[in-house]
Amino acid sequence: MTERTVDVTRAGRSLPAVAGTSPEAAAGPAVEVRELERSFGERPVLEGVSFDLAAGETLAVLGANGAGKTTLLRVLAGLLRPHAGSVRVLGAALPEDGWRARARVGLLGHDSGLYRALSARENLRFHARLHGVGRERVEELIDAVGLGSRAQDPVRELSRGGVQRLAVARAVLHDPPLLLLDEPRSGLDPGAEELVEPLVGRGSGRTRVVVTHDVEGALEECDRALGLLGGRPAFVAGPGALEASTVRRELYR
């Protein structure tokens, strides 16, 4: 697989409206990345990464451990500064105008972002206050992820799957139009996957950047895929232009 960029669009497909989409985001791509570079010390982690993502679309980010996938999510979330290139998220240039986008992005990372000593309900109420969200939304999400009977339990007593479901609820608490998801199904059994699917799956109607090692699943549900190899883009292509076996062979050497 040689390095290439394939621009694949899907005309004529209607997508559900996402609450809170700004005029800035509607006027252009929800995410626009041009020649992004990011290093840690002298070690480059991302080099020459470019892609566009329209509102309501899903980008799957594929690559081996250490390929730069999580770093890309953290840059898009405004947690890391790009060292070169340009990044725009929901119409806001990063890092200069990151404050404009930050409250409209939901991040689900390796770190759940939860306080282990607090209960599931207390965690969501804490984040709800930060975003100006009412308690009704907290209770709605506790029920949606199937944690009603465990809402008073400290996070440290929840199973891995329970923590992941609560982290999903936290990520969508403020109804963000853009989701940045790092292995969103990690630790979930099939029943739990069904619970979180309407919140963070393709059917949510949100714009999504999804980091995953599930190549087949990613190609089934994405509008385009970005393959990272040693921090550089091996491809940006529509799923119809890629074969799962070739992707695995080239990215996971």
Protein backbone atom coordinates (compact mmCIF):
# COMPACT_ATOMS: atom_id res chain seq x y z
CA MET A 1 0.00 0.00 0.00
CA THR A 2 1.71 3.21 -1.13
CA GLU A 3 1.05 6.52 0.57
CA ARG A 4 -1.94 8.20 -1.03
CA THR A 5 -4.88 10.45 -0.45
CA VAL A 6 -8.25 9.49 -1.88
CA ASP A 7 -11.08 11.97 -1.50
CA VAL A 8 -14.34 10.04 -1.38
CA THR A 9 -17.64 11.86 -0.83
CA ARG A 10 -21.10 10.37 -0.49
CA ALA A 11 -23.56 12.59 -2.27
CA GLY A 12 -27.26 12.43 -1.69
CA ARG A 13 -27.17 10.87 1.77
CA SER A 14 -29.35 12.62 4.33
CA LEU A 15 -28.00 12.89 7.84
CA PRO A 16 -29.89 13.68 11.03
CA ALA A 17 -29.49 17.22 12.25
CA VAL A 18 -27.21 17.71 15.21
CA ALA A 19 -28.30 20.15 17.88
CA GLY A 20 -26.00 23.08 18.41
CA THR A 21 -24.24 23.11 15.02
CA SER A 22 -22.87 26.63 14.64
CA PRO A 23 -23.02 28.80 11.50
CA GLU A 24 -19.21 28.58 11.36
CA ALA A 25 -19.29 24.78 11.30
CA ALA A 26 -22.15 24.71 8.79
CA ALA A 27 -20.18 26.97 6.41
CA GLY A 28 -17.27 24.54 6.09
CA PRO A 29 -15.86 21.24 7.31
CA ALA A 30 -16.53 20.33 10.92
CA VAL A 31 -12.86 19.35 11.16
CA GLU A 32 -10.13 20.63 8.85
CA VAL A 33 -6.51 19.54 9.30
CA ARG A 34 -3.66 20.67 7.04
CA GLU A 35 -0.07 19.35 7.27
CA LEU A 36 -0.32 18.80 11.02
CA GLU A 37 2.92 18.12 12.88
CA ARG A 38 3.38 17.33 16.55
CA SER A 39 6.51 16.17 18.38
CA PHE A 40 7.48 15.19 21.90
CA GLY A 41 10.93 16.58 22.43
CA GLU A 42 13.00 15.60 19.40
CA ARG A 43 10.68 12.72 18.50
CA PRO A 44 8.08 13.47 15.80
CA VAL A 45 4.73 11.81 16.55
CA LEU A 46 2.59 13.26 13.76
CA GLU A 47 3.88 14.50 10.40
CA GLY A 48 2.03 15.75 7.35
CA VAL A 49 -1.47 14.77 8.49
CA SER A 50 -4.25 16.36 6.42
CA PHE A 51 -7.97 15.63 6.12
CA ASP A 52 -11.43 17.22 6.07
CA LEU A 53 -14.50 15.91 7.85
CA ALA A 54 -17.98 17.23 7.10
CA ALA A 55 -20.68 17.67 9.73
CA GLY A 56 -22.34 14.35 10.52
CA GLU A 57 -19.55 12.23 9.01
CA THR A 58 -17.32 9.66 10.69
CA LEU A 59 -13.55 9.41 10.30
CA ALA A 60 -11.97 6.16 11.44
CA VAL A 61 -8.34 6.50 12.54
CA LEU A 62 -6.40 3.27 12.16
CA GLY A 63 -2.84 2.33 13.04
CA ALA A 64 -0.65 0.30 15.35
CA ASN A 65 0.13 1.28 18.92
CA GLY A 66 2.37 4.35 18.88
CA ALA A 67 1.25 5.47 15.42
CA GLY A 68 -0.01 8.82 16.75
CA LYS A 69 -3.75 8.14 16.93
CA THR A 70 -4.31 9.29 20.52
CA THR A 71 -2.05 12.29 19.98
CA LEU A 72 -4.25 13.31 17.04
CA LEU A 73 -7.37 13.14 19.22
CA ARG A 74 -5.71 15.25 21.91
CA VAL A 75 -4.74 17.88 19.36
CA LEU A 76 -8.31 18.00 18.03
CA ALA A 77 -9.61 18.30 21.60
CA GLY A 78 -7.33 21.28 22.23
CA LEU A 79 -5.29 19.44 24.86
CA LEU A 80 -2.07 19.51 22.81
CA ARG A 81 -0.78 22.32 20.62
CA PRO A 82 0.13 21.54 17.01
CA HIS A 83 3.77 22.39 16.29
CA ALA A 84 3.17 23.02 12.60
CA GLY A 85 0.29 23.06 10.16
CA SER A 86 -3.26 24.22 10.78
CA VAL A 87 -6.24 22.72 12.61
CA ARG A 88 -9.81 24.01 12.60
CA VAL A 89 -12.55 22.40 14.69
CA LEU A 90 -16.18 23.53 14.36
CA GLY A 91 -15.02 26.74 12.72
CA ALA A 92 -12.43 27.55 15.42
CA ALA A 93 -8.70 27.68 14.69
CA LEU A 94 -6.60 25.72 17.19
CA PRO A 95 -5.03 26.61 19.50
CA GLU A 96 -5.88 30.32 19.19
CA ASP A 97 -9.66 29.97 19.33
CA GLY A 98 -9.81 26.64 21.11
CA TRP A 99 -12.12 28.02 23.77
CA ARG A 100 -14.82 28.40 21.09
CA ALA A 101 -14.78 24.71 20.26
CA ARG A 102 -13.91 23.10 23.58
CA ALA A 103 -17.42 23.22 25.07
CA ARG A 104 -18.87 21.70 21.89
CA VAL A 105 -16.56 18.68 21.71
CA GLY A 106 -17.04 15.39 23.56
CA LEU A 107 -13.87 13.44 24.30
CA LEU A 108 -13.77 9.78 25.27
CA GLY A 109 -10.15 8.83 25.86
CA HIS A 110 -8.13 6.06 27.48
CA ASP A 111 -8.50 7.98 30.74
CA SER A 112 -12.18 7.96 31.67
CA GLY A 113 -12.02 11.49 33.10
CA LEU A 114 -13.98 10.27 36.13
CA TYR A 115 -13.30 10.71 39.84
CA ARG A 116 -13.00 7.24 41.36
CA ALA A 117 -14.06 8.28 44.86
CA LEU A 118 -17.28 9.90 43.62
CA SER A 119 -20.41 8.01 42.67
CA ALA A 120 -21.60 7.69 39.10
CA ARG A 121 -24.30 10.29 39.73
CA GLU A 122 -21.90 12.68 41.50
CA ASN A 123 -19.46 12.47 38.61
CA LEU A 124 -22.10 13.40 36.06
CA ARG A 125 -23.54 16.16 38.25
CA PHE A 126 -20.05 17.64 38.64
CA HIS A 127 -19.51 17.74 34.88
CA ALA A 128 -23.08 18.97 34.37
CA ARG A 129 -22.33 22.03 36.50
CA LEU A 130 -19.23 22.74 34.42
CA HIS A 131 -21.33 22.77 31.25
CA GLY A 132 -24.46 24.39 32.64
CA VAL A 133 -26.49 21.21 32.14
CA GLY A 134 -29.53 20.40 34.28
CA ARG A 135 -29.91 17.36 36.54
CA GLU A 136 -32.62 15.95 34.29
CA ARG A 137 -29.98 15.28 31.65
CA VAL A 138 -27.85 13.47 34.24
CA GLU A 139 -30.66 11.12 35.19
CA GLU A 140 -31.57 10.56 31.55
CA LEU A 141 -28.03 9.43 30.75
CA ILE A 142 -27.66 7.26 33.85
CA ASP A 143 -30.71 5.33 32.68
CA ALA A 144 -29.56 5.32 29.05
CA VAL A 145 -26.29 3.56 29.90
CA GLY A 146 -27.97 1.11 32.29
CA LEU A 147 -26.45 2.36 35.54
CA GLY A 148 -29.63 3.26 37.41
CA SER A 149 -29.06 0.60 40.06
CA ARG A 150 -25.39 1.60 40.50
CA ALA A 151 -25.78 5.37 40.40
CA GLN A 152 -24.84 5.78 44.08
CA ASP A 153 -21.81 3.49 43.92
CA PRO A 154 -18.29 4.95 43.79
CA VAL A 155 -16.66 4.64 40.40
CA ARG A 156 -13.90 2.51 41.94
CA GLU A 157 -16.50 -0.20 42.61
CA LEU A 158 -17.77 -0.36 39.03
CA SER A 159 -16.60 -2.96 36.55
CA ARG A 160 -14.47 -1.91 33.62
CA GLY A 161 -17.54 -1.98 31.42
CA GLY A 162 -19.49 0.10 33.94
CA VAL A 163 -16.74 2.72 34.00
CA GLN A 164 -16.72 2.81 30.19
CA ARG A 165 -20.49 3.28 30.05
CA LEU A 166 -20.27 6.12 32.55
CA ALA A 167 -17.42 7.69 30.57
CA VAL A 168 -19.62 7.59 27.47
CA ALA A 169 -22.38 9.36 29.41
CA ARG A 170 -19.88 12.01 30.52
CA ALA A 171 -18.64 12.53 26.95
CA VAL A 172 -22.14 13.26 25.59
CA LEU A 173 -23.52 15.00 28.67
CA HIS A 174 -23.44 18.47 27.05
CA ASP A 175 -24.81 17.20 23.71
CA PRO A 176 -21.66 17.99 21.71
CA PRO A 177 -21.92 18.02 17.90
CA LEU A 178 -18.38 16.55 17.61
CA LEU A 179 -17.20 13.37 19.32
CA LEU A 180 -13.56 12.30 19.63
CA LEU A 181 -13.61 8.63 20.58
CA ASP A 182 -10.65 6.43 21.52
CA GLU A 183 -11.76 2.78 21.37
CA PRO A 184 -15.34 3.60 22.47
CA ARG A 185 -16.36 -0.06 22.76
CA SER A 186 -13.40 -1.05 24.94
CA GLY A 187 -14.46 -3.30 27.83
CA LEU A 188 -18.10 -3.47 26.73
CA ASP A 189 -20.07 -6.67 26.34
CA PRO A 190 -22.63 -6.92 23.49
CA GLY A 191 -25.47 -5.71 25.70
CA ALA A 192 -23.52 -2.65 26.81
CA GLU A 193 -22.53 -1.91 23.22
CA GLU A 194 -26.22 -1.74 22.34
CA LEU A 195 -26.80 0.73 25.16
CA VAL A 196 -24.07 3.17 24.11
CA GLU A 197 -24.62 2.86 20.35
CA PRO A 198 -27.37 5.54 20.18
CA LEU A 199 -25.13 7.92 22.15
CA VAL A 200 -21.79 7.58 20.36
CA GLY A 201 -22.48 5.31 17.37
CA ARG A 202 -23.10 6.29 13.79
CA GLY A 203 -26.81 6.56 14.50
CA SER A 204 -26.18 9.43 16.92
CA GLY A 205 -25.93 11.79 13.94
CA ARG A 206 -22.86 13.47 15.39
CA THR A 207 -19.60 14.16 13.64
CA ARG A 208 -17.15 11.55 14.91
CA VAL A 209 -13.43 10.86 14.88
CA VAL A 210 -13.04 7.27 16.05
CA VAL A 211 -9.73 5.63 16.95
CA THR A 212 -9.98 1.87 16.77
CA HIS A 213 -8.10 -1.36 16.04
CA ASP A 214 -11.30 -2.97 14.71
CA VAL A 215 -10.49 -2.61 11.02
CA GLU A 216 -13.54 -4.43 9.67
CA GLY A 217 -15.94 -2.58 11.97
CA ALA A 218 -14.33 0.77 11.15
CA LEU A 219 -14.62 0.26 7.40
CA GLU A 220 -18.28 -0.69 7.78
CA GLU A 221 -19.32 2.45 9.65
CA CYS A 222 -16.99 5.24 8.52
CA ASP A 223 -17.29 7.76 5.70
CA ARG A 224 -13.52 7.81 5.32
CA ALA A 225 -10.54 6.26 7.03
CA LEU A 226 -7.16 7.70 7.97
CA GLY A 227 -4.33 5.21 8.28
CA LEU A 228 -1.31 6.29 10.33
CA LEU A 229 2.03 4.58 9.93
CA GLY A 230 4.78 5.91 12.17
CA GLY A 231 2.90 9.18 12.59
CA ARG A 232 2.51 9.80 8.87
CA PRO A 233 -0.65 9.26 6.81
CA ALA A 234 -0.50 6.07 4.79
CA PHE A 235 -3.92 6.86 3.28
CA VAL A 236 -7.04 8.97 3.62
CA ALA A 237 -9.70 7.08 1.72
CA GLY A 238 -13.32 6.08 1.55
CA PRO A 239 -14.01 2.60 2.89
CA GLY A 240 -14.88 1.33 -0.58
CA ALA A 241 -11.29 1.96 -1.68
CA LEU A 242 -9.81 -0.19 1.10
CA GLU A 243 -9.61 -3.88 1.89
CA ALA A 244 -9.41 -4.88 5.54
CA SER A 245 -6.73 -7.49 4.91
CA THR A 246 -4.51 -4.97 3.12
CA VAL A 247 -5.01 -2.37 5.85
CA ARG A 248 -4.03 -4.86 8.55
CA ARG A 249 -0.98 -6.02 6.63
CA GLU A 250 0.32 -2.52 5.92
CA LEU A 251 -0.52 -0.73 9.20
CA TYR A 252 0.04 -3.49 11.74
CA ARG A 253 3.43 -4.83 10.68
